[in-house]
């Protein structure tokens, strides 16, 4: 019975995690349309690739973890595709930073973990050490969305926190929690408790602030309409002033001076005429 349950939760975890891996597709569609990845960050995809590699290594050290290997293998492929796509459209500075991060985290970091655990630790201790590394790293990954949560609270906008992504992350955390709990593998179960809590917080914030953007847009439209009504009044005032200035010119011709023997340009003449009129007829409150 236990084997059937952990298989069921593992299979559901694979399906939901696959949906999570596909969540950044709209972002890369934007990059493709713009033909540039400027303004976007590659860090989530590099970290995602490292996490998938780490869990595959852990699964290889444990018995009967096929479902853990399958989803993280798919994750490695998808995250690598995202990184390559990002590099193709990235400016030179961002491309160099991404390549440096991939080298340090995925080559040097992962290489050191594999070498040290293979030569220093033995047997069960090796799986336990790698499991603790996975646990700590997963906790850090789940804590990372706090930056987004802080931005949502500060701006009262959920523009950068899609509801579906939060929902699937929460659902994924539930599936993998029960998978780890049934197998008594707490390195899998414990991080997903935190993932579930943060996922619920994100969905609650979405419900609280989902209409804020609409209210702001309505206020902006009202302001634009007010400005639109003010523009004709300003045009009428300018036309009245032009008419008065013209009549003033007819009744009181203005002497137009010459500069170095040359006549003044038309805009200079107009400025001089208006200035002369305003001196004779000062406006109240100005």
C-alpha atoms as a PDB file:
ATOM      1  CA  UNK A   1       0.000   0.000   0.000  1.00  0.00           C
ATOM      2  CA  UNK A   2       2.829   2.396   0.897  1.00  0.00           C
ATOM      3  CA  UNK A   3       4.559   1.734  -2.425  1.00  0.00           C
ATOM      4  CA  UNK A   4       1.356   2.571  -4.327  1.00  0.00           C
ATOM      5  CA  UNK A   5       0.861   5.788  -2.368  1.00  0.00           C
ATOM      6  CA  UNK A   6       4.401   7.114  -2.851  1.00  0.00           C
ATOM      7  CA  UNK A   7       4.194   6.190  -6.552  1.00  0.00           C
ATOM      8  CA  UNK A   8       0.874   8.078  -6.876  1.00  0.00           C
ATOM      9  CA  UNK A   9       2.175  11.210  -5.141  1.00  0.00           C
ATOM     10  CA  UNK A  10       5.473  10.987  -7.046  1.00  0.00           C
ATOM     11  CA  UNK A  11       3.620  10.716 -10.364  1.00  0.00           C
ATOM     12  CA  UNK A  12       1.373  13.682  -9.511  1.00  0.00           C
ATOM     13  CA  UNK A  13       4.467  15.576  -8.373  1.00  0.00           C
ATOM     14  CA  UNK A  14       6.053  14.903 -11.770  1.00  0.00           C
ATOM     15  CA  UNK A  15       3.010  16.238 -13.631  1.00  0.00           C
ATOM     16  CA  UNK A  16       2.654  19.394 -11.517  1.00  0.00           C
ATOM     17  CA  UNK A  17       6.429  20.073 -11.498  1.00  0.00           C
ATOM     18  CA  UNK A  18       6.412  19.786 -15.293  1.00  0.00           C
ATOM     19  CA  UNK A  19       3.762  22.540 -15.393  1.00  0.00           C
ATOM     20  CA  UNK A  20       5.958  24.662 -13.105  1.00  0.00           C
ATOM     21  CA  UNK A  21       8.922  24.166 -15.451  1.00  0.00           C
ATOM     22  CA  UNK A  22       6.791  25.473 -18.335  1.00  0.00           C
ATOM     23  CA  UNK A  23       5.692  28.588 -16.404  1.00  0.00           C
ATOM     24  CA  UNK A  24       8.507  30.857 -17.793  1.00  0.00           C
ATOM     25  CA  UNK A  25       7.393  30.288 -21.418  1.00  0.00           C
ATOM     26  CA  UNK A  26       5.526  33.655 -21.610  1.00  0.00           C
ATOM     27  CA  UNK A  27       8.734  35.393 -20.479  1.00  0.00           C
ATOM     28  CA  UNK A  28      10.737  33.808 -23.275  1.00  0.00           C
ATOM     29  CA  UNK A  29       7.987  34.618 -25.749  1.00  0.00           C
ATOM     30  CA  UNK A  30       8.489  38.288 -24.800  1.00  0.00           C
ATOM     31  CA  UNK A  31      12.255  37.905 -25.245  1.00  0.00           C
ATOM     32  CA  UNK A  32      11.698  36.382 -28.693  1.00  0.00           C
ATOM     33  CA  UNK A  33       9.372  39.216 -29.771  1.00  0.00           C
ATOM     34  CA  UNK A  34      11.789  41.872 -28.497  1.00  0.00           C
ATOM     35  CA  UNK A  35      14.829  39.988 -29.867  1.00  0.00           C
ATOM     36  CA  UNK A  36      16.571  40.902 -26.612  1.00  0.00           C
ATOM     37  CA  UNK A  37      16.727  39.474 -23.078  1.00  0.00           C
ATOM     38  CA  UNK A  38      17.731  42.853 -21.629  1.00  0.00           C
ATOM     39  CA  UNK A  39      15.783  43.574 -18.447  1.00  0.00           C
ATOM     40  CA  UNK A  40      15.341  39.888 -17.599  1.00  0.00           C
ATOM     41  CA  UNK A  41      17.471  37.836 -15.184  1.00  0.00           C
ATOM     42  CA  UNK A  42      19.089  34.453 -15.907  1.00  0.00           C
ATOM     43  CA  UNK A  43      19.680  33.613 -12.221  1.00  0.00           C
ATOM     44  CA  UNK A  44      16.389  31.658 -11.686  1.00  0.00           C
ATOM     45  CA  UNK A  45      17.206  29.313 -14.587  1.00  0.00           C
ATOM     46  CA  UNK A  46      20.840  28.753 -13.567  1.00  0.00           C
ATOM     47  CA  UNK A  47      19.733  28.041  -9.983  1.00  0.00           C
ATOM     48  CA  UNK A  48      16.934  25.786 -11.295  1.00  0.00           C
ATOM     49  CA  UNK A  49      19.458  23.800 -13.339  1.00  0.00           C
ATOM     50  CA  UNK A  50      21.750  23.403 -10.303  1.00  0.00           C
ATOM     51  CA  UNK A  51      18.814  22.261  -8.141  1.00  0.00           C
ATOM     52  CA  UNK A  52      17.764  19.632 -10.713  1.00  0.00           C
ATOM     53  CA  UNK A  53      21.341  18.341 -11.011  1.00  0.00           C
ATOM     54  CA  UNK A  54      21.649  18.140  -7.226  1.00  0.00           C
ATOM     55  CA  UNK A  55      18.426  16.153  -6.821  1.00  0.00           C
ATOM     56  CA  UNK A  56      19.430  13.747  -9.599  1.00  0.00           C
ATOM     57  CA  UNK A  57      22.723  13.061  -7.812  1.00  0.00           C
ATOM     58  CA  UNK A  58      20.846  12.520  -4.534  1.00  0.00           C
ATOM     59  CA  UNK A  59      18.346  10.184  -6.226  1.00  0.00           C
ATOM     60  CA  UNK A  60      21.165   8.093  -7.703  1.00  0.00           C
ATOM     61  CA  UNK A  61      22.452   7.482  -4.172  1.00  0.00           C
ATOM     62  CA  UNK A  62      19.031   6.271  -2.944  1.00  0.00           C
ATOM     63  CA  UNK A  63      17.061   3.145  -3.915  1.00  0.00           C
ATOM     64  CA  UNK A  64      13.758   3.281  -5.829  1.00  0.00           C
ATOM     65  CA  UNK A  65      13.835   6.973  -6.745  1.00  0.00           C
ATOM     66  CA  UNK A  66      12.984   6.695 -10.434  1.00  0.00           C
ATOM     67  CA  UNK A  67      10.271   9.378 -10.262  1.00  0.00           C
ATOM     68  CA  UNK A  68      12.719  11.813  -8.674  1.00  0.00           C
ATOM     69  CA  UNK A  69      15.204  11.160 -11.475  1.00  0.00           C
ATOM     70  CA  UNK A  70      12.667  11.507 -14.300  1.00  0.00           C
ATOM     71  CA  UNK A  71      11.274  14.920 -13.353  1.00  0.00           C
ATOM     72  CA  UNK A  72      14.669  16.409 -12.570  1.00  0.00           C
ATOM     73  CA  UNK A  73      16.091  15.077 -15.834  1.00  0.00           C
ATOM     74  CA  UNK A  74      13.266  16.874 -17.648  1.00  0.00           C
ATOM     75  CA  UNK A  75      14.019  19.916 -15.503  1.00  0.00           C
ATOM     76  CA  UNK A  76      17.692  19.845 -16.515  1.00  0.00           C
ATOM     77  CA  UNK A  77      16.730  19.767 -20.196  1.00  0.00           C
ATOM     78  CA  UNK A  78      14.168  22.594 -19.907  1.00  0.00           C
ATOM     79  CA  UNK A  79      16.395  24.848 -17.766  1.00  0.00           C
ATOM     80  CA  UNK A  80      19.330  24.309 -20.140  1.00  0.00           C
ATOM     81  CA  UNK A  81      17.070  25.273 -23.061  1.00  0.00           C
ATOM     82  CA  UNK A  82      16.002  28.446 -21.234  1.00  0.00           C
ATOM     83  CA  UNK A  83      19.629  29.392 -20.502  1.00  0.00           C
ATOM     84  CA  UNK A  84      20.707  28.843 -24.128  1.00  0.00           C
ATOM     85  CA  UNK A  85      17.756  30.899 -25.369  1.00  0.00           C
ATOM     86  CA  UNK A  86      18.599  33.660 -22.895  1.00  0.00           C
ATOM     87  CA  UNK A  87      22.273  33.685 -23.959  1.00  0.00           C
ATOM     88  CA  UNK A  88      21.323  33.902 -27.646  1.00  0.00           C
ATOM     89  CA  UNK A  89      19.395  37.161 -27.119  1.00  0.00           C
ATOM     90  CA  UNK A  90      21.420  38.583 -24.204  1.00  0.00           C
ATOM     91  CA  UNK A  91      23.707  41.636 -24.528  1.00  0.00           C
ATOM     92  CA  UNK A  92      27.419  40.954 -24.131  1.00  0.00           C
ATOM     93  CA  UNK A  93      27.675  41.927 -20.437  1.00  0.00           C
ATOM     94  CA  UNK A  94      24.663  39.797 -19.416  1.00  0.00           C
ATOM     95  CA  UNK A  95      25.973  36.890 -21.502  1.00  0.00           C
ATOM     96  CA  UNK A  96      29.335  36.962 -19.744  1.00  0.00           C
ATOM     97  CA  UNK A  97      27.710  37.185 -16.300  1.00  0.00           C
ATOM     98  CA  UNK A  98      25.441  34.225 -17.065  1.00  0.00           C
ATOM     99  CA  UNK A  99      28.308  32.095 -18.373  1.00  0.00           C
ATOM    100  CA  UNK A 100      30.372  32.936 -15.277  1.00  0.00           C
ATOM    101  CA  UNK A 101      27.454  31.964 -13.002  1.00  0.00           C
ATOM    102  CA  UNK A 102      26.906  28.677 -14.861  1.00  0.00           C
ATOM    103  CA  UNK A 103      30.610  27.860 -14.574  1.00  0.00           C
ATOM    104  CA  UNK A 104      30.853  28.687 -10.858  1.00  0.00           C
ATOM    105  CA  UNK A 105      27.590  27.070  -9.742  1.00  0.00           C
ATOM    106  CA  UNK A 106      26.918  24.230 -12.143  1.00  0.00           C
ATOM    107  CA  UNK A 107      30.470  23.200 -13.012  1.00  0.00           C
ATOM    108  CA  UNK A 108      32.687  24.129 -10.052  1.00  0.00           C
ATOM    109  CA  UNK A 109      30.026  23.910  -7.311  1.00  0.00           C
ATOM    110  CA  UNK A 110      28.440  20.670  -8.499  1.00  0.00           C
ATOM    111  CA  UNK A 111      31.849  19.205  -9.291  1.00  0.00           C
ATOM    112  CA  UNK A 112      33.117  19.878  -5.763  1.00  0.00           C
ATOM    113  CA  UNK A 113      30.016  18.294  -4.206  1.00  0.00           C
ATOM    114  CA  UNK A 114      30.404  15.131  -6.293  1.00  0.00           C
ATOM    115  CA  UNK A 115      34.177  14.816  -5.759  1.00  0.00           C
ATOM    116  CA  UNK A 116      34.114  15.503  -1.999  1.00  0.00           C
ATOM    117  CA  UNK A 117      31.172  13.200  -1.276  1.00  0.00           C
ATOM    118  CA  UNK A 118      32.650  10.401  -3.404  1.00  0.00           C
ATOM    119  CA  UNK A 119      36.106  10.512  -1.842  1.00  0.00           C
ATOM    120  CA  UNK A 120      35.411  11.749   1.697  1.00  0.00           C
ATOM    121  CA  UNK A 121      32.068  10.157   2.614  1.00  0.00           C
ATOM    122  CA  UNK A 122      31.169   6.492   2.289  1.00  0.00           C
ATOM    123  CA  UNK A 123      28.003   4.435   1.962  1.00  0.00           C
ATOM    124  CA  UNK A 124      24.947   5.760   3.812  1.00  0.00           C
ATOM    125  CA  UNK A 125      26.817   8.881   4.971  1.00  0.00           C
ATOM    126  CA  UNK A 126      27.261   9.959   1.367  1.00  0.00           C
ATOM    127  CA  UNK A 127      23.491   9.973   0.712  1.00  0.00           C
ATOM    128  CA  UNK A 128      22.861  11.700   4.064  1.00  0.00           C
ATOM    129  CA  UNK A 129      25.358  14.490   3.316  1.00  0.00           C
ATOM    130  CA  UNK A 130      24.002  15.086  -0.190  1.00  0.00           C
ATOM    131  CA  UNK A 131      20.480  14.983   1.252  1.00  0.00           C
ATOM    132  CA  UNK A 132      21.319  17.733   3.747  1.00  0.00           C
ATOM    133  CA  UNK A 133      22.835  19.831   0.949  1.00  0.00           C
ATOM    134  CA  UNK A 134      19.636  19.377  -1.074  1.00  0.00           C
ATOM    135  CA  UNK A 135      17.528  20.291   1.948  1.00  0.00           C
ATOM    136  CA  UNK A 136      19.435  23.510   2.696  1.00  0.00           C
ATOM    137  CA  UNK A 137      19.547  24.559  -0.944  1.00  0.00           C
ATOM    138  CA  UNK A 138      15.808  23.879  -1.397  1.00  0.00           C
ATOM    139  CA  UNK A 139      15.034  26.001   1.671  1.00  0.00           C
ATOM    140  CA  UNK A 140      17.040  28.846   0.121  1.00  0.00           C
ATOM    141  CA  UNK A 141      15.139  28.452  -3.162  1.00  0.00           C
ATOM    142  CA  UNK A 142      11.786  28.569  -1.362  1.00  0.00           C
ATOM    143  CA  UNK A 143      12.852  31.645   0.639  1.00  0.00           C
ATOM    144  CA  UNK A 144      13.820  33.513  -2.572  1.00  0.00           C
ATOM    145  CA  UNK A 145      10.177  34.453  -3.453  1.00  0.00           C
ATOM    146  CA  UNK A 146      10.115  36.636  -0.321  1.00  0.00           C
ATOM    147  CA  UNK A 147      11.592  39.382  -2.530  1.00  0.00           C
ATOM    148  CA  UNK A 148       8.531  39.140  -4.785  1.00  0.00           C
ATOM    149  CA  UNK A 149       6.213  39.091  -1.762  1.00  0.00           C
ATOM    150  CA  UNK A 150       7.892  42.241  -0.424  1.00  0.00           C
ATOM    151  CA  UNK A 151       7.477  43.953  -3.808  1.00  0.00           C
ATOM    152  CA  UNK A 152       3.780  43.028  -3.947  1.00  0.00           C
ATOM    153  CA  UNK A 153       3.157  44.433  -0.441  1.00  0.00           C
ATOM    154  CA  UNK A 154       5.148  47.595  -1.210  1.00  0.00           C
ATOM    155  CA  UNK A 155       3.582  48.323  -4.623  1.00  0.00           C
ATOM    156  CA  UNK A 156       0.191  46.696  -3.935  1.00  0.00           C
ATOM    157  CA  UNK A 157       0.459  45.156  -7.403  1.00  0.00           C
ATOM    158  CA  UNK A 158       0.546  41.457  -8.395  1.00  0.00           C
ATOM    159  CA  UNK A 159       1.864  42.154 -11.908  1.00  0.00           C
ATOM    160  CA  UNK A 160       5.065  40.161 -11.302  1.00  0.00           C
ATOM    161  CA  UNK A 161       3.430  37.356  -9.280  1.00  0.00           C
ATOM    162  CA  UNK A 162       1.153  35.303 -11.583  1.00  0.00           C
ATOM    163  CA  UNK A 163      -1.529  33.370  -9.717  1.00  0.00           C
ATOM    164  CA  UNK A 164      -1.139  30.162 -11.748  1.00  0.00           C
ATOM    165  CA  UNK A 165       2.590  29.966 -10.967  1.00  0.00           C
ATOM    166  CA  UNK A 166       1.912  30.390  -7.232  1.00  0.00           C
ATOM    167  CA  UNK A 167      -0.871  27.799  -7.420  1.00  0.00           C
ATOM    168  CA  UNK A 168       1.232  25.161  -9.185  1.00  0.00           C
ATOM    169  CA  UNK A 169       4.196  25.764  -6.861  1.00  0.00           C
ATOM    170  CA  UNK A 170       1.903  25.225  -3.860  1.00  0.00           C
ATOM    171  CA  UNK A 171       0.382  22.090  -5.392  1.00  0.00           C
ATOM    172  CA  UNK A 172       3.845  20.770  -6.241  1.00  0.00           C
ATOM    173  CA  UNK A 173       4.989  21.343  -2.654  1.00  0.00           C
ATOM    174  CA  UNK A 174       1.998  19.342  -1.352  1.00  0.00           C
ATOM    175  CA  UNK A 175       2.690  16.390  -3.672  1.00  0.00           C
ATOM    176  CA  UNK A 176       6.397  16.182  -2.904  1.00  0.00           C
ATOM    177  CA  UNK A 177       5.787  16.648   0.824  1.00  0.00           C
ATOM    178  CA  UNK A 178       3.560  13.555   0.961  1.00  0.00           C
ATOM    179  CA  UNK A 179       5.947  11.674  -1.329  1.00  0.00           C
ATOM    180  CA  UNK A 180       8.827  12.355   1.091  1.00  0.00           C
ATOM    181  CA  UNK A 181       6.681  11.721   4.165  1.00  0.00           C
ATOM    182  CA  UNK A 182       5.456   8.320   2.950  1.00  0.00           C
ATOM    183  CA  UNK A 183       9.008   7.288   2.057  1.00  0.00           C
ATOM    184  CA  UNK A 184      10.245   8.748   5.372  1.00  0.00           C
ATOM    185  CA  UNK A 185      12.699  10.848   3.383  1.00  0.00           C
ATOM    186  CA  UNK A 186      12.641  14.107   5.325  1.00  0.00           C
ATOM    187  CA  UNK A 187      15.187  15.740   3.038  1.00  0.00           C
ATOM    188  CA  UNK A 188      12.363  15.845   0.486  1.00  0.00           C
ATOM    189  CA  UNK A 189       9.476  16.481   2.873  1.00  0.00           C
ATOM    190  CA  UNK A 190      10.821  19.320   5.070  1.00  0.00           C
ATOM    191  CA  UNK A 191      11.631  21.928   2.362  1.00  0.00           C
ATOM    192  CA  UNK A 192       8.187  21.473   0.833  1.00  0.00           C
ATOM    193  CA  UNK A 193       6.519  22.493   4.097  1.00  0.00           C
ATOM    194  CA  UNK A 194       8.104  25.912   3.631  1.00  0.00           C
ATOM    195  CA  UNK A 195       7.186  25.843  -0.055  1.00  0.00           C
ATOM    196  CA  UNK A 196       3.541  25.196   0.831  1.00  0.00           C
ATOM    197  CA  UNK A 197       3.457  28.042   3.405  1.00  0.00           C
ATOM    198  CA  UNK A 198       4.994  30.604   1.008  1.00  0.00           C
ATOM    199  CA  UNK A 199       2.733  29.410  -1.811  1.00  0.00           C
ATOM    200  CA  UNK A 200      -0.389  29.996   0.315  1.00  0.00           C
ATOM    201  CA  UNK A 201       0.918  33.453   1.320  1.00  0.00           C
ATOM    202  CA  UNK A 202       1.456  34.375  -2.331  1.00  0.00           C
ATOM    203  CA  UNK A 203      -2.062  33.276  -3.303  1.00  0.00           C
ATOM    204  CA  UNK A 204      -3.561  35.237  -0.383  1.00  0.00           C
ATOM    205  CA  UNK A 205      -1.662  38.358  -1.471  1.00  0.00           C
ATOM    206  CA  UNK A 206      -2.886  37.862  -5.026  1.00  0.00           C
ATOM    207  CA  UNK A 207      -6.508  37.795  -3.817  1.00  0.00           C
ATOM    208  CA  UNK A 208      -5.895  40.926  -1.698  1.00  0.00           C
ATOM    209  CA  UNK A 209      -4.210  43.037  -4.394  1.00  0.00           C
ATOM    210  CA  UNK A 210      -5.538  41.629  -7.693  1.00  0.00           C
ATOM    211  CA  UNK A 211      -7.934  44.594  -8.222  1.00  0.00           C
ATOM    212  CA  UNK A 212      -5.435  47.305  -7.244  1.00  0.00           C
ATOM    213  CA  UNK A 213      -4.101  47.697 -10.777  1.00  0.00           C
ATOM    214  CA  UNK A 214      -7.628  48.215 -12.138  1.00  0.00           C
ATOM    215  CA  UNK A 215      -8.289  50.982  -9.601  1.00  0.00           C
ATOM    216  CA  UNK A 216      -5.024  52.730 -10.526  1.00  0.00           C
ATOM    217  CA  UNK A 217      -5.845  52.513 -14.245  1.00  0.00           C
ATOM    218  CA  UNK A 218      -9.313  54.015 -13.631  1.00  0.00           C
ATOM    219  CA  UNK A 219      -7.738  56.925 -11.708  1.00  0.00           C
ATOM    220  CA  UNK A 220      -5.273  57.529 -14.543  1.00  0.00           C
ATOM    221  CA  UNK A 221      -8.114  57.574 -17.072  1.00  0.00           C
ATOM    222  CA  UNK A 222      -9.988  60.134 -14.968  1.00  0.00           C
ATOM    223  CA  UNK A 223      -6.884  62.357 -14.793  1.00  0.00           C
ATOM    224  CA  UNK A 224      -6.350  62.045 -18.565  1.00  0.00           C
ATOM    225  CA  UNK A 225     -10.001  63.004 -19.207  1.00  0.00           C
ATOM    226  CA  UNK A 226      -9.649  66.061 -16.981  1.00  0.00           C
ATOM    227  CA  UNK A 227      -6.493  67.120 -18.828  1.00  0.00           C
ATOM    228  CA  UNK A 228      -8.273  66.544 -22.148  1.00  0.00           C
ATOM    229  CA  UNK A 229     -11.069  68.937 -21.108  1.00  0.00           C
ATOM    230  CA  UNK A 230      -8.554  71.582 -20.009  1.00  0.00           C
ATOM    231  CA  UNK A 231      -6.697  71.655 -23.358  1.00  0.00           C
ATOM    232  CA  UNK A 232      -9.536  73.344 -25.390  1.00  0.00           C
ATOM    233  CA  UNK A 233      -9.800  76.053 -22.699  1.00  0.00           C
ATOM    234  CA  UNK A 234      -6.075  76.748 -23.050  1.00  0.00           C
ATOM    235  CA  UNK A 235      -6.405  76.860 -26.851  1.00  0.00           C
ATOM    236  CA  UNK A 236      -9.247  79.385 -26.539  1.00  0.00           C
ATOM    237  CA  UNK A 237      -7.125  81.576 -24.226  1.00  0.00           C
ATOM    238  CA  UNK A 238      -4.250  81.520 -26.744  1.00  0.00           C
ATOM    239  CA  UNK A 239      -6.602  82.416 -29.603  1.00  0.00           C
ATOM    240  CA  UNK A 240      -8.028  85.332 -27.583  1.00  0.00           C
ATOM    241  CA  UNK A 241      -4.542  86.554 -26.808  1.00  0.00           C
ATOM    242  CA  UNK A 242      -3.548  86.321 -30.488  1.00  0.00           C
ATOM    243  CA  UNK A 243      -6.605  88.323 -31.537  1.00  0.00           C
ATOM    244  CA  UNK A 244      -5.942  91.012 -28.933  1.00  0.00           C
ATOM    245  CA  UNK A 245      -2.277  91.205 -29.921  1.00  0.00           C
ATOM    246  CA  UNK A 246      -3.205  91.602 -33.580  1.00  0.00           C
ATOM    247  CA  UNK A 247      -5.638  94.434 -32.807  1.00  0.00           C
ATOM    248  CA  UNK A 248      -2.972  96.041 -30.619  1.00  0.00           C
ATOM    249  CA  UNK A 249      -0.521  95.910 -33.509  1.00  0.00           C
ATOM    250  CA  UNK A 250      -3.034  97.604 -35.802  1.00  0.00           C
ATOM    251  CA  UNK A 251      -3.904 100.350 -33.318  1.00  0.00           C
ATOM    252  CA  UNK A 252      -0.398 100.790 -31.853  1.00  0.00           C
ATOM    253  CA  UNK A 253       2.290  99.767 -34.334  1.00  0.00           C
ATOM    254  CA  UNK A 254       5.418  98.448 -32.651  1.00  0.00           C
ATOM    255  CA  UNK A 255       8.798  99.656 -33.743  1.00  0.00           C
ATOM    256  CA  UNK A 256      10.846  96.641 -34.904  1.00  0.00           C
ATOM    257  CA  UNK A 257      14.545  97.210 -34.288  1.00  0.00           C
ATOM    258  CA  UNK A 258      17.361  95.876 -36.420  1.00  0.00           C
ATOM    259  CA  UNK A 259      20.295  93.842 -35.165  1.00  0.00           C
ATOM    260  CA  UNK A 260      23.596  94.700 -36.883  1.00  0.00           C
ATOM    261  CA  UNK A 261      21.723  96.079 -39.841  1.00  0.00           C
ATOM    262  CA  UNK A 262      19.613  92.914 -40.333  1.00  0.00           C
ATOM    263  CA  UNK A 263      15.911  92.562 -39.701  1.00  0.00           C
ATOM    264  CA  UNK A 264      14.853  90.378 -36.781  1.00  0.00           C
ATOM    265  CA  UNK A 265      13.518  86.908 -37.477  1.00  0.00           C
ATOM    266  CA  UNK A 266       9.763  86.379 -37.354  1.00  0.00           C
ATOM    267  CA  UNK A 267       9.727  84.412 -34.038  1.00  0.00           C
ATOM    268  CA  UNK A 268      11.762  87.178 -32.382  1.00  0.00           C
ATOM    269  CA  UNK A 269       9.286  89.803 -33.662  1.00  0.00           C
ATOM    270  CA  UNK A 270       6.328  87.804 -32.307  1.00  0.00           C
ATOM    271  CA  UNK A 271       8.023  87.391 -28.909  1.00  0.00           C
ATOM    272  CA  UNK A 272       8.737  91.113 -28.771  1.00  0.00           C
ATOM    273  CA  UNK A 273       5.139  92.017 -29.677  1.00  0.00           C
ATOM    274  CA  UNK A 274       3.649  89.697 -27.025  1.00  0.00           C
ATOM    275  CA  UNK A 275       6.111  90.967 -24.384  1.00  0.00           C
ATOM    276  CA  UNK A 276       5.207  94.556 -25.243  1.00  0.00           C
ATOM    277  CA  UNK A 277       1.505  93.769 -24.930  1.00  0.00           C
ATOM    278  CA  UNK A 278       1.903  92.042 -21.578  1.00  0.00           C
ATOM    279  CA  UNK A 279       3.869  95.001 -20.209  1.00  0.00           C
ATOM    280  CA  UNK A 280       1.020  97.350 -21.119  1.00  0.00           C
ATOM    281  CA  UNK A 281      -1.726  94.991 -19.944  1.00  0.00           C
ATOM    282  CA  UNK A 282      -0.436  92.958 -16.958  1.00  0.00           C
ATOM    283  CA  UNK A 283      -2.623  89.982 -15.931  1.00  0.00           C
ATOM    284  CA  UNK A 284      -3.925  89.698 -12.376  1.00  0.00           C
ATOM    285  CA  UNK A 285      -2.135  87.091 -10.240  1.00  0.00           C
ATOM    286  CA  UNK A 286       0.812  86.753 -12.627  1.00  0.00           C
END
